[in-house]
Amino acid sequence: MSVIVKNLSKKYGSQLALDDVSFSAEKGQITGFLGPNGAGKSTTMKIATGFVPATSGSIEIAGLDVSKHPLETKRKIGYLAEHNPLYLDMYVHEYLSFVASIYGLKNTKARSIEMVEKVGLVREQNKKIGALSKGYRQRVGLAQALIHDPEVLVLDEPLTGLDPNQIVEIRSLIKDLGQDKTVIFSTHIMQEVQFLCDRVVIINKGKIVADKSLAELKNVGQDRKVVHIELATVFDANSLRAMDGVLEVVELTQKEAKVYYSDQVDIRPELFKWANESGNSLLSLKVDEDSLESIFRQLTMSS
């Protein structure tokens, strides 16, 4: 079960919200859909789930065009919207049974009970939705997205409002679901991208600026590498800067530094040699990576 977005554009009046967007997501893969506020994430998700029509281009769910086969594709998709619209005067089981009946499920009560257990709502199951905290309402939204066992999950900010313990539980659930479903989810939490995503698509100002595996994304713009070194005694930064391949030395303390060097060389053996010849000792040497936050800023601030 794949999701294929082809040359998707969307205009609201004279404003171009999406500009020729194309990407795909596959079964057994969790795709993180990232971007700054107003970049076009929610618009793309609304088009994918049939809530908003595209101006041009298309989205296919298992080979079916969403605009031409709206009912068939809706049956295949579970959708948690960004603002998670719920009927606040309904009880949890009442609401989930109602959603199950819309999908034509036969044993709505049994399915509701199963979902309550799956998303961790057992303690709150006898309450009205309006009496729940934001985090538990988010769980109700996730339960309704899962209740018909969809092949594709589209989750817009699914971790919003959850406390740290809840995040761990729902993260684990999403990870499990990603093993046999196609999962597309948006988030602003880079740590969750690190934990969950197989692939990352980044959108900025309505255009795709990155579509890579997580490993590939971490190497964006990496024409230089960096190591964090700690020495036993005070070191001579100028002699370190003179070493072949060294591009920059940032002194953190009198005994610590970050050493930036060309990706064409591996200076680690030379660092040990330099320290020894200087009458010093390397206590630690750690290869650093640019954080996902840093890469995200590079891609969304420069385009």
Protein backbone atom coordinates (compact mmCIF):
# COMPACT_ATOMS: atom_id res chain seq x y z
CA MET A 1 0.00 0.00 0.00
CA SER A 2 1.70 3.16 -1.20
CA VAL A 3 0.89 6.86 -1.21
CA ILE A 4 2.10 8.76 -4.27
CA VAL A 5 1.91 12.56 -4.43
CA LYS A 6 2.36 13.86 -7.99
CA ASN A 7 2.94 17.50 -8.95
CA LEU A 8 0.50 18.69 -6.31
CA SER A 9 -0.40 22.40 -6.23
CA LYS A 10 -2.98 24.28 -4.20
CA LYS A 11 -4.07 27.90 -4.40
CA TYR A 12 -6.20 29.78 -1.90
CA GLY A 13 -7.22 32.79 -3.96
CA SER A 14 -3.97 34.33 -5.12
CA GLN A 15 -1.88 32.55 -2.45
CA LEU A 16 0.05 29.50 -3.63
CA ALA A 17 0.09 27.11 -0.65
CA LEU A 18 1.59 24.13 -2.49
CA ASP A 19 3.86 24.43 -5.52
CA ASP A 20 4.39 21.26 -7.60
CA VAL A 21 4.86 18.93 -4.61
CA SER A 22 5.86 15.31 -5.32
CA PHE A 23 6.90 12.49 -2.98
CA SER A 24 5.86 8.97 -2.02
CA ALA A 25 5.48 6.79 1.07
CA GLU A 26 5.59 3.00 1.17
CA LYS A 27 4.10 0.22 3.28
CA GLY A 28 6.22 -0.73 6.26
CA GLN A 29 7.78 2.73 6.31
CA ILE A 30 7.22 5.71 8.59
CA THR A 31 7.58 8.96 6.68
CA GLY A 32 8.08 12.15 8.65
CA PHE A 33 6.54 15.17 6.92
CA LEU A 34 8.23 18.26 8.32
CA GLY A 35 8.22 21.98 7.73
CA PRO A 36 7.81 25.35 9.45
CA ASN A 37 4.35 26.66 10.30
CA GLY A 38 2.54 27.61 7.11
CA ALA A 39 4.82 25.50 4.90
CA GLY A 40 1.96 23.39 3.48
CA LYS A 41 2.01 20.25 5.62
CA SER A 42 -1.60 20.30 6.78
CA THR A 43 -2.84 21.35 3.35
CA THR A 44 -1.12 18.33 1.80
CA MET A 45 -2.62 16.04 4.41
CA LYS A 46 -6.10 17.47 3.92
CA ILE A 47 -5.86 16.86 0.17
CA ALA A 48 -4.54 13.32 0.75
CA THR A 49 -7.54 12.51 2.96
CA GLY A 50 -10.09 14.08 0.63
CA PHE A 51 -11.06 17.05 2.82
CA VAL A 52 -9.69 19.69 0.46
CA PRO A 53 -9.45 19.51 -3.37
CA ALA A 54 -6.15 20.10 -5.15
CA THR A 55 -5.80 22.92 -7.65
CA SER A 56 -3.66 20.65 -9.84
CA GLY A 57 -1.73 17.41 -9.55
CA SER A 58 -2.90 14.27 -7.76
CA ILE A 59 -2.53 11.94 -4.80
CA GLU A 60 -2.88 8.19 -5.24
CA ILE A 61 -3.67 5.69 -2.50
CA ALA A 62 -2.89 2.14 -3.65
CA GLY A 63 -3.19 3.27 -7.26
CA LEU A 64 -6.51 5.08 -6.73
CA ASP A 65 -6.74 8.82 -7.32
CA VAL A 66 -8.16 10.45 -4.20
CA SER A 67 -10.17 12.98 -6.22
CA LYS A 68 -11.72 10.32 -8.46
CA HIS A 69 -12.31 7.63 -5.84
CA PRO A 70 -13.06 9.55 -2.63
CA LEU A 71 -15.03 6.87 -0.78
CA GLU A 72 -12.70 4.00 -1.66
CA THR A 73 -9.61 5.90 -0.59
CA LYS A 74 -11.21 7.19 2.64
CA ARG A 75 -11.83 3.58 3.67
CA LYS A 76 -8.12 2.90 3.34
CA ILE A 77 -6.99 5.94 5.37
CA GLY A 78 -6.96 6.71 9.08
CA TYR A 79 -6.62 10.45 9.71
CA LEU A 80 -5.76 12.37 12.86
CA ALA A 81 -6.20 16.05 12.03
CA GLU A 82 -4.00 18.77 13.49
CA HIS A 83 -6.76 20.25 15.66
CA ASN A 84 -8.36 16.85 16.40
CA PRO A 85 -12.09 17.66 16.06
CA LEU A 86 -14.12 15.61 18.54
CA TYR A 87 -17.69 15.54 19.87
CA LEU A 88 -17.00 16.78 23.39
CA ASP A 89 -20.45 15.86 24.77
CA MET A 90 -20.05 12.21 23.82
CA TYR A 91 -18.53 9.55 26.06
CA VAL A 92 -15.33 7.87 24.86
CA HIS A 93 -16.96 4.52 24.00
CA GLU A 94 -20.02 6.24 22.57
CA TYR A 95 -17.87 8.28 20.21
CA LEU A 96 -15.65 5.40 19.11
CA SER A 97 -18.67 3.15 18.50
CA PHE A 98 -20.22 5.97 16.47
CA VAL A 99 -17.08 6.26 14.30
CA ALA A 100 -16.96 2.48 13.87
CA SER A 101 -20.58 2.50 12.67
CA ILE A 102 -19.76 5.18 10.07
CA TYR A 103 -17.18 2.79 8.61
CA GLY A 104 -19.80 0.01 8.57
CA LEU A 105 -18.08 -2.17 11.16
CA LYS A 106 -20.33 -4.87 12.61
CA ASN A 107 -19.27 -5.24 16.25
CA THR A 108 -18.74 -1.59 17.10
CA LYS A 109 -18.63 -2.09 20.88
CA ALA A 110 -15.91 -4.75 20.70
CA ARG A 111 -13.85 -2.60 18.36
CA SER A 112 -14.22 0.39 20.67
CA ILE A 113 -12.99 -1.66 23.64
CA GLU A 114 -10.02 -2.88 21.60
CA MET A 115 -9.03 0.66 20.62
CA VAL A 116 -9.36 1.98 24.18
CA GLU A 117 -6.86 -0.65 25.31
CA LYS A 118 -4.56 -0.09 22.33
CA VAL A 119 -4.09 3.66 22.84
CA GLY A 120 -4.08 3.59 26.67
CA LEU A 121 -7.49 5.06 27.46
CA VAL A 122 -8.68 2.39 29.91
CA ARG A 123 -8.60 4.70 32.98
CA GLU A 124 -10.52 7.43 31.13
CA GLN A 125 -12.92 5.29 29.11
CA ASN A 126 -16.06 6.14 31.09
CA LYS A 127 -15.64 9.91 30.84
CA LYS A 128 -17.08 12.41 28.42
CA ILE A 129 -14.49 13.56 25.89
CA GLY A 130 -14.93 17.15 27.07
CA ALA A 131 -13.72 16.12 30.54
CA LEU A 132 -10.46 14.68 29.23
CA SER A 133 -7.09 16.43 29.24
CA LYS A 134 -5.58 17.47 25.93
CA GLY A 135 -3.28 14.47 25.94
CA TYR A 136 -6.13 12.01 26.41
CA ARG A 137 -8.21 13.74 23.76
CA GLN A 138 -5.27 13.20 21.44
CA ARG A 139 -5.45 9.50 22.25
CA VAL A 140 -9.16 9.47 21.39
CA GLY A 141 -8.28 11.05 18.05
CA LEU A 142 -5.69 8.37 17.42
CA ALA A 143 -8.18 5.65 18.38
CA GLN A 144 -10.75 6.91 15.85
CA ALA A 145 -8.04 6.98 13.16
CA LEU A 146 -7.22 3.32 13.87
CA ILE A 147 -10.67 1.92 14.52
CA HIS A 148 -11.33 0.63 10.97
CA ASP A 149 -7.82 -0.88 10.70
CA PRO A 150 -6.74 1.35 7.80
CA GLU A 151 -3.83 0.51 5.52
CA VAL A 152 -2.60 4.13 5.53
CA LEU A 153 -2.25 6.39 8.58
CA VAL A 154 -2.02 10.16 8.15
CA LEU A 155 -1.18 11.74 11.51
CA ASP A 156 -0.91 15.52 11.79
CA GLU A 157 1.03 16.39 14.97
CA PRO A 158 -0.03 13.18 16.80
CA LEU A 159 2.18 13.83 19.84
CA THR A 160 0.85 17.31 20.61
CA GLY A 161 -0.26 17.71 24.22
CA LEU A 162 1.15 14.43 25.48
CA ASP A 163 3.29 14.28 28.60
CA PRO A 164 6.71 12.53 28.43
CA ASN A 165 5.33 9.17 29.58
CA GLN A 166 2.47 9.34 27.10
CA ILE A 167 4.88 10.27 24.30
CA VAL A 168 6.91 7.11 24.93
CA GLU A 169 3.76 4.95 24.83
CA ILE A 170 2.28 6.51 21.68
CA ARG A 171 5.68 6.58 19.98
CA SER A 172 5.96 2.83 20.58
CA LEU A 173 2.44 2.32 19.18
CA ILE A 174 3.22 4.33 16.02
CA LYS A 175 6.48 2.38 15.58
CA ASP A 176 4.58 -0.91 15.77
CA LEU A 177 1.91 0.31 13.34
CA GLY A 178 4.61 1.34 10.89
CA GLN A 179 5.70 -2.27 10.45
CA ASP A 180 2.69 -3.22 8.33
CA LYS A 181 1.03 0.09 7.44
CA THR A 182 2.00 3.16 5.47
CA VAL A 183 2.44 5.95 8.03
CA ILE A 184 2.84 9.66 7.24
CA PHE A 185 3.08 11.95 10.23
CA SER A 186 4.01 15.56 10.78
CA THR A 187 5.77 16.86 13.86
CA HIS A 188 7.85 19.75 15.12
CA ILE A 189 9.67 17.49 17.57
CA MET A 190 12.99 16.53 15.96
CA GLN A 191 13.64 13.91 18.63
CA GLU A 192 10.57 12.02 17.42
CA VAL A 193 11.89 12.09 13.85
CA GLN A 194 15.07 10.49 15.15
CA PHE A 195 13.16 7.76 17.00
CA LEU A 196 10.43 7.01 14.47
CA CYS A 197 11.21 7.91 10.89
CA ASP A 198 12.58 5.75 8.11
CA ARG A 199 12.23 8.58 5.62
CA VAL A 200 11.90 12.35 5.95
CA VAL A 201 10.21 14.79 3.59
CA ILE A 202 10.73 18.48 4.36
CA ILE A 203 8.52 21.17 2.85
CA ASN A 204 9.15 24.90 2.96
CA LYS A 205 7.05 27.68 1.41
CA GLY A 206 5.02 25.09 -0.47
CA LYS A 207 8.02 23.33 -2.06
CA ILE A 208 9.80 20.09 -1.18
CA VAL A 209 13.35 20.91 -0.07
CA ALA A 210 14.39 17.41 1.06
CA ASP A 211 13.17 13.86 0.47
CA LYS A 212 15.68 11.44 1.96
CA SER A 213 16.18 8.51 4.28
CA LEU A 214 17.00 9.55 7.83
CA ALA A 215 20.64 8.49 7.35
CA GLU A 216 20.92 10.52 4.14
CA LEU A 217 19.37 13.57 5.77
CA LYS A 218 21.97 13.55 8.52
CA ASN A 219 24.66 13.93 5.85
CA VAL A 220 23.10 16.98 4.16
CA GLY A 221 25.74 19.64 3.63
CA GLN A 222 28.42 17.53 5.27
CA ASP A 223 31.47 18.69 3.30
CA ARG A 224 33.29 18.83 6.61
CA LYS A 225 33.38 16.74 9.76
CA VAL A 226 33.87 17.58 13.39
CA VAL A 227 35.38 15.87 16.43
CA HIS A 228 35.12 16.91 20.05
CA ILE A 229 38.43 16.38 21.85
CA GLU A 230 39.36 16.55 25.53
CA LEU A 231 43.02 16.71 26.56
CA ALA A 232 44.83 16.06 29.83
CA THR A 233 46.46 19.49 29.97
CA VAL A 234 46.25 22.89 28.30
CA PHE A 235 46.86 22.63 24.53
CA ASP A 236 48.26 24.89 21.82
CA ALA A 237 45.32 25.73 19.54
CA ASN A 238 47.54 27.33 16.90
CA SER A 239 49.59 24.18 16.41
CA LEU A 240 46.34 22.26 16.08
CA ARG A 241 45.08 24.70 13.45
CA ALA A 242 48.30 24.14 11.45
CA MET A 243 47.59 20.42 11.08
CA ASP A 244 46.86 19.26 7.51
CA GLY A 245 43.11 18.93 6.87
CA VAL A 246 42.02 21.06 9.84
CA LEU A 247 39.56 23.77 8.77
CA GLU A 248 38.66 25.34 12.10
CA VAL A 249 39.30 24.91 15.81
CA VAL A 250 36.73 26.12 18.34
CA GLU A 251 38.16 26.26 21.85
CA LEU A 252 35.52 25.24 24.41
CA THR A 253 37.78 25.32 27.47
CA GLN A 254 41.53 25.32 28.01
CA LYS A 255 41.46 21.54 27.60
CA GLU A 256 38.55 20.99 25.21
CA ALA A 257 37.88 21.91 21.59
CA LYS A 258 35.82 21.13 18.54
CA VAL A 259 37.99 20.42 15.50
CA TYR A 260 36.41 20.84 12.06
CA TYR A 261 38.16 19.10 9.21
CA SER A 262 37.71 18.18 5.54
CA ASP A 263 35.54 15.15 4.78
CA GLN A 264 38.31 14.03 2.40
CA VAL A 265 40.61 13.05 5.26
CA ASP A 266 40.46 11.26 8.60
CA ILE A 267 42.55 13.28 11.03
CA ARG A 268 41.92 11.15 14.09
CA PRO A 269 45.23 9.23 13.89
CA GLU A 270 47.04 12.55 13.42
CA LEU A 271 45.33 14.00 16.47
CA PHE A 272 46.73 11.26 18.67
CA LYS A 273 50.17 11.80 17.14
CA TRP A 274 49.89 15.59 17.62
CA ALA A 275 48.89 15.22 21.26
CA ASN A 276 51.76 12.81 21.95
CA GLU A 277 54.34 15.03 20.26
CA SER A 278 53.03 18.00 22.25
CA GLY A 279 53.58 16.14 25.50
CA ASN A 280 49.82 15.89 26.01
CA SER A 281 47.27 13.06 26.09
CA LEU A 282 43.86 12.71 24.47
CA LEU A 283 41.37 11.75 27.18
CA SER A 284 38.46 11.52 24.75
CA LEU A 285 37.70 11.95 21.07
CA LYS A 286 34.08 11.96 19.89
CA VAL A 287 32.83 12.34 16.34
CA ASP A 288 29.93 14.82 16.30
CA GLU A 289 27.07 15.07 13.84
CA ASP A 290 25.00 18.09 12.93
CA SER A 291 21.73 17.84 14.84
CA LEU A 292 18.49 17.35 12.93
CA GLU A 293 17.42 20.76 14.23
CA SER A 294 20.47 22.33 12.60
CA ILE A 295 19.88 20.54 9.29
CA PHE A 296 16.19 21.50 9.39
CA ARG A 297 17.13 25.17 9.84
CA GLN A 298 19.64 24.98 6.99
CA LEU A 299 17.02 23.62 4.62
CA THR A 300 14.13 25.85 5.62
CA MET A 301 15.93 29.15 6.13
CA SER A 302 17.94 29.05 2.92
CA SER A 303 15.16 28.21 0.48
